[in-house]
Amino acid sequence: MSRLIVIGGGTGFIGRALGSALTKRGHAVMNISRTAGKNNLTWADLAHKGLPRDTKAVVQLSGANIMDKTWTPDRKKELIDSRVGPTKMLVEAIKKATSPPEVFVSGSAVGIYPADPSQTLDESSPVPTSPPVNFPSELCLKWEDAARLPSDLESRVRHVTIRTGVVLDTEGGALPQ
């Protein structure tokens, strides 16, 4: 059964791969991007019109590449803003939807955990919240906080947070760098 899946950051490295896989499985994919195009909804369109009708899932993968430039104060702000702003926009669109999606998948990263080679960590490991351990931890905490759905939606919209690590692929990600 075809479902409409909206992907924030769908034209990015991970988003393109996800969109391709979902399309091959017969789903309709609508990307949210800075630029209009075939199967693209702009962020401005999302802010004015909301989610497309019949959206069944929303995936938030937006964010500037964390590995390609030095983390100056300006770059850190860009990295945070490129994740937190779009995430808040998607949460707002989900809140306003006449029929909210069944699932909201929000991106984050393993950088939320402290870098400690003496520990084995998994998704049940506690996340240090105050103060953040380092910049990746701070970034992920802000990103995940922006993705929190209001309590009235928690029972109607399943929320899944994916914490990715370094992405390796010969076509992009960390390998070509």
Protein backbone atom coordinates (compact mmCIF):
# COMPACT_ATOMS: atom_id res chain seq x y z
CA MET A 1 0.00 0.00 0.00
CA SER A 2 1.46 3.35 -1.04
CA ARG A 3 1.89 5.92 1.71
CA LEU A 4 2.91 9.56 1.43
CA ILE A 5 6.14 10.12 3.32
CA VAL A 6 7.48 13.65 3.76
CA ILE A 7 11.23 13.96 4.26
CA GLY A 8 12.83 17.12 5.62
CA GLY A 9 16.31 17.10 4.14
CA GLY A 10 15.22 14.64 1.48
CA THR A 11 17.65 16.11 -1.03
CA GLY A 12 20.60 15.61 1.32
CA PHE A 13 22.96 12.66 1.45
CA ILE A 14 20.96 10.37 3.76
CA GLY A 15 17.59 11.72 2.63
CA ARG A 16 18.24 10.86 -1.04
CA ALA A 17 19.08 7.27 -0.14
CA LEU A 18 16.02 6.96 2.10
CA GLY A 19 13.73 8.52 -0.52
CA SER A 20 15.05 6.16 -3.18
CA ALA A 21 14.53 3.10 -0.97
CA LEU A 22 10.99 4.19 -0.05
CA THR A 23 10.09 4.89 -3.68
CA LYS A 24 11.34 1.43 -4.69
CA ARG A 25 8.97 0.00 -2.07
CA GLY A 26 6.06 1.78 -3.73
CA HIS A 27 5.68 4.78 -1.40
CA ALA A 28 5.14 8.35 -2.53
CA VAL A 29 7.91 10.65 -1.28
CA MET A 30 7.73 14.43 -0.93
CA ASN A 31 10.97 16.19 0.02
CA ILE A 32 11.12 19.42 1.94
CA SER A 33 13.99 21.46 0.59
CA ARG A 34 15.22 25.02 0.26
CA THR A 35 14.44 24.87 -3.46
CA ALA A 36 11.26 23.96 -5.30
CA GLY A 37 11.31 21.09 -7.75
CA LYS A 38 9.67 17.83 -8.72
CA ASN A 39 8.48 16.11 -5.53
CA ASN A 40 9.89 19.00 -3.48
CA LEU A 41 8.00 21.21 -1.07
CA THR A 42 9.93 24.26 0.10
CA TRP A 43 10.27 25.14 3.77
CA ALA A 44 8.33 28.34 3.00
CA ASP A 45 5.52 26.23 1.50
CA LEU A 46 5.48 24.06 4.62
CA ALA A 47 5.21 27.15 6.84
CA HIS A 48 2.30 28.58 4.81
CA LYS A 49 0.41 25.48 3.66
CA GLY A 50 1.39 22.83 6.22
CA LEU A 51 1.91 19.17 5.50
CA PRO A 52 0.39 17.71 2.36
CA ARG A 53 -2.95 16.03 2.93
CA ASP A 54 -2.71 12.29 3.57
CA THR A 55 0.85 12.48 4.91
CA LYS A 56 1.37 9.20 6.77
CA ALA A 57 4.95 9.73 7.96
CA VAL A 58 7.33 12.64 8.47
CA VAL A 59 11.10 12.15 8.58
CA GLN A 60 13.41 14.98 9.68
CA LEU A 61 17.00 14.63 8.43
CA SER A 62 17.85 18.28 7.72
CA GLY A 63 21.16 19.64 8.80
CA ALA A 64 24.37 21.09 7.43
CA ASN A 65 27.26 18.66 6.99
CA ILE A 66 29.02 18.44 10.36
CA MET A 67 32.30 17.12 8.95
CA ASP A 68 33.16 19.54 6.16
CA LYS A 69 34.30 22.69 8.00
CA THR A 70 36.02 23.74 11.22
CA TRP A 71 33.64 24.33 14.14
CA THR A 72 34.07 28.07 14.56
CA PRO A 73 31.42 29.86 16.66
CA ASP A 74 29.60 30.87 13.45
CA ARG A 75 29.77 27.32 12.07
CA LYS A 76 28.45 25.87 15.34
CA LYS A 77 25.50 28.26 15.15
CA GLU A 78 24.86 27.19 11.54
CA LEU A 79 24.99 23.50 12.51
CA ILE A 80 22.50 24.04 15.33
CA ASP A 81 20.18 26.32 13.34
CA SER A 82 20.14 23.99 10.32
CA ARG A 83 18.76 21.21 12.53
CA VAL A 84 16.70 22.91 15.21
CA GLY A 85 14.83 25.38 12.97
CA PRO A 86 13.56 22.82 10.42
CA THR A 87 12.72 20.38 13.20
CA LYS A 88 10.59 22.98 14.98
CA MET A 89 8.88 23.80 11.68
CA LEU A 90 7.97 20.15 11.15
CA VAL A 91 6.70 19.76 14.71
CA GLU A 92 4.55 22.86 14.18
CA ALA A 93 3.21 21.45 10.90
CA ILE A 94 2.39 18.14 12.63
CA LYS A 95 0.58 20.06 15.39
CA LYS A 96 -1.50 21.98 12.82
CA ALA A 97 -2.31 19.00 10.59
CA THR A 98 -6.01 18.17 10.35
CA SER A 99 -5.00 14.53 10.30
CA PRO A 100 -1.52 14.16 11.81
CA PRO A 101 0.90 11.58 10.42
CA GLU A 102 1.11 8.18 12.05
CA VAL A 103 4.84 8.50 12.70
CA PHE A 104 7.45 11.23 13.10
CA VAL A 105 11.06 10.09 12.68
CA SER A 106 13.54 12.68 13.87
CA GLY A 107 17.25 12.62 13.27
CA SER A 108 19.96 12.97 15.86
CA ALA A 109 23.40 11.45 16.30
CA VAL A 110 25.53 9.25 18.52
CA GLY A 111 27.39 12.43 19.47
CA ILE A 112 24.79 12.85 22.21
CA TYR A 113 26.72 10.25 24.23
CA PRO A 114 30.04 10.99 25.92
CA ALA A 115 33.12 9.74 24.07
CA ASP A 116 34.36 7.12 26.51
CA PRO A 117 36.09 4.06 25.05
CA SER A 118 35.80 2.26 28.39
CA GLN A 119 31.99 2.18 28.11
CA THR A 120 29.67 0.31 25.79
CA LEU A 121 26.68 2.53 25.07
CA ASP A 122 23.35 1.82 23.39
CA GLU A 123 19.97 3.51 23.08
CA SER A 124 19.08 2.65 26.68
CA SER A 125 22.20 4.37 28.04
CA PRO A 126 21.54 7.56 29.98
CA VAL A 127 22.10 10.78 28.09
CA PRO A 128 23.97 13.45 30.02
CA THR A 129 21.81 16.55 29.89
CA SER A 130 23.50 19.19 31.96
CA PRO A 131 25.95 20.51 31.11
CA PRO A 132 26.49 19.11 27.62
CA VAL A 133 29.70 17.08 27.47
CA ASN A 134 30.97 18.70 24.24
CA PHE A 135 29.67 20.43 21.12
CA PRO A 136 28.22 17.29 19.44
CA SER A 137 26.37 16.55 22.69
CA GLU A 138 25.04 20.11 22.87
CA LEU A 139 23.95 19.96 19.22
CA CYS A 140 22.13 16.64 19.65
CA LEU A 141 20.41 17.71 22.88
CA LYS A 142 19.05 20.84 21.19
CA TRP A 143 18.02 18.85 18.11
CA GLU A 144 16.17 16.20 20.12
CA ASP A 145 14.52 18.82 22.33
CA ALA A 146 13.19 20.60 19.22
CA ALA A 147 11.64 17.30 18.05
CA ARG A 148 9.50 16.76 21.15
CA LEU A 149 5.84 16.53 20.28
CA PRO A 150 3.26 18.14 22.56
CA SER A 151 1.63 15.75 25.03
CA ASP A 152 -1.73 15.81 23.21
CA LEU A 153 -0.04 14.29 20.12
CA GLU A 154 2.11 11.71 21.90
CA SER A 155 -0.67 9.11 21.90
CA ARG A 156 -1.57 9.72 18.23
CA VAL A 157 1.83 10.16 16.55
CA ARG A 158 4.56 7.61 17.15
CA HIS A 159 7.87 9.44 17.60
CA VAL A 160 11.12 7.69 16.75
CA THR A 161 14.55 9.26 17.18
CA ILE A 162 17.37 7.84 15.10
CA ARG A 163 20.91 8.51 16.29
CA THR A 164 23.25 8.01 13.38
CA GLY A 165 26.99 7.68 13.53
CA VAL A 166 29.51 8.56 10.85
CA VAL A 167 27.96 7.78 7.47
CA LEU A 168 30.24 5.92 5.04
CA ASP A 169 29.60 5.63 1.33
CA THR A 170 31.76 5.95 -1.74
CA GLU A 171 29.34 8.55 -3.15
CA GLY A 172 29.36 10.87 -0.15
CA GLY A 173 29.40 10.97 3.63
CA ALA A 174 32.73 10.70 5.43
CA LEU A 175 34.65 8.53 2.91
CA PRO A 176 35.25 11.10 0.15
CA GLN A 177 36.46 13.60 2.72
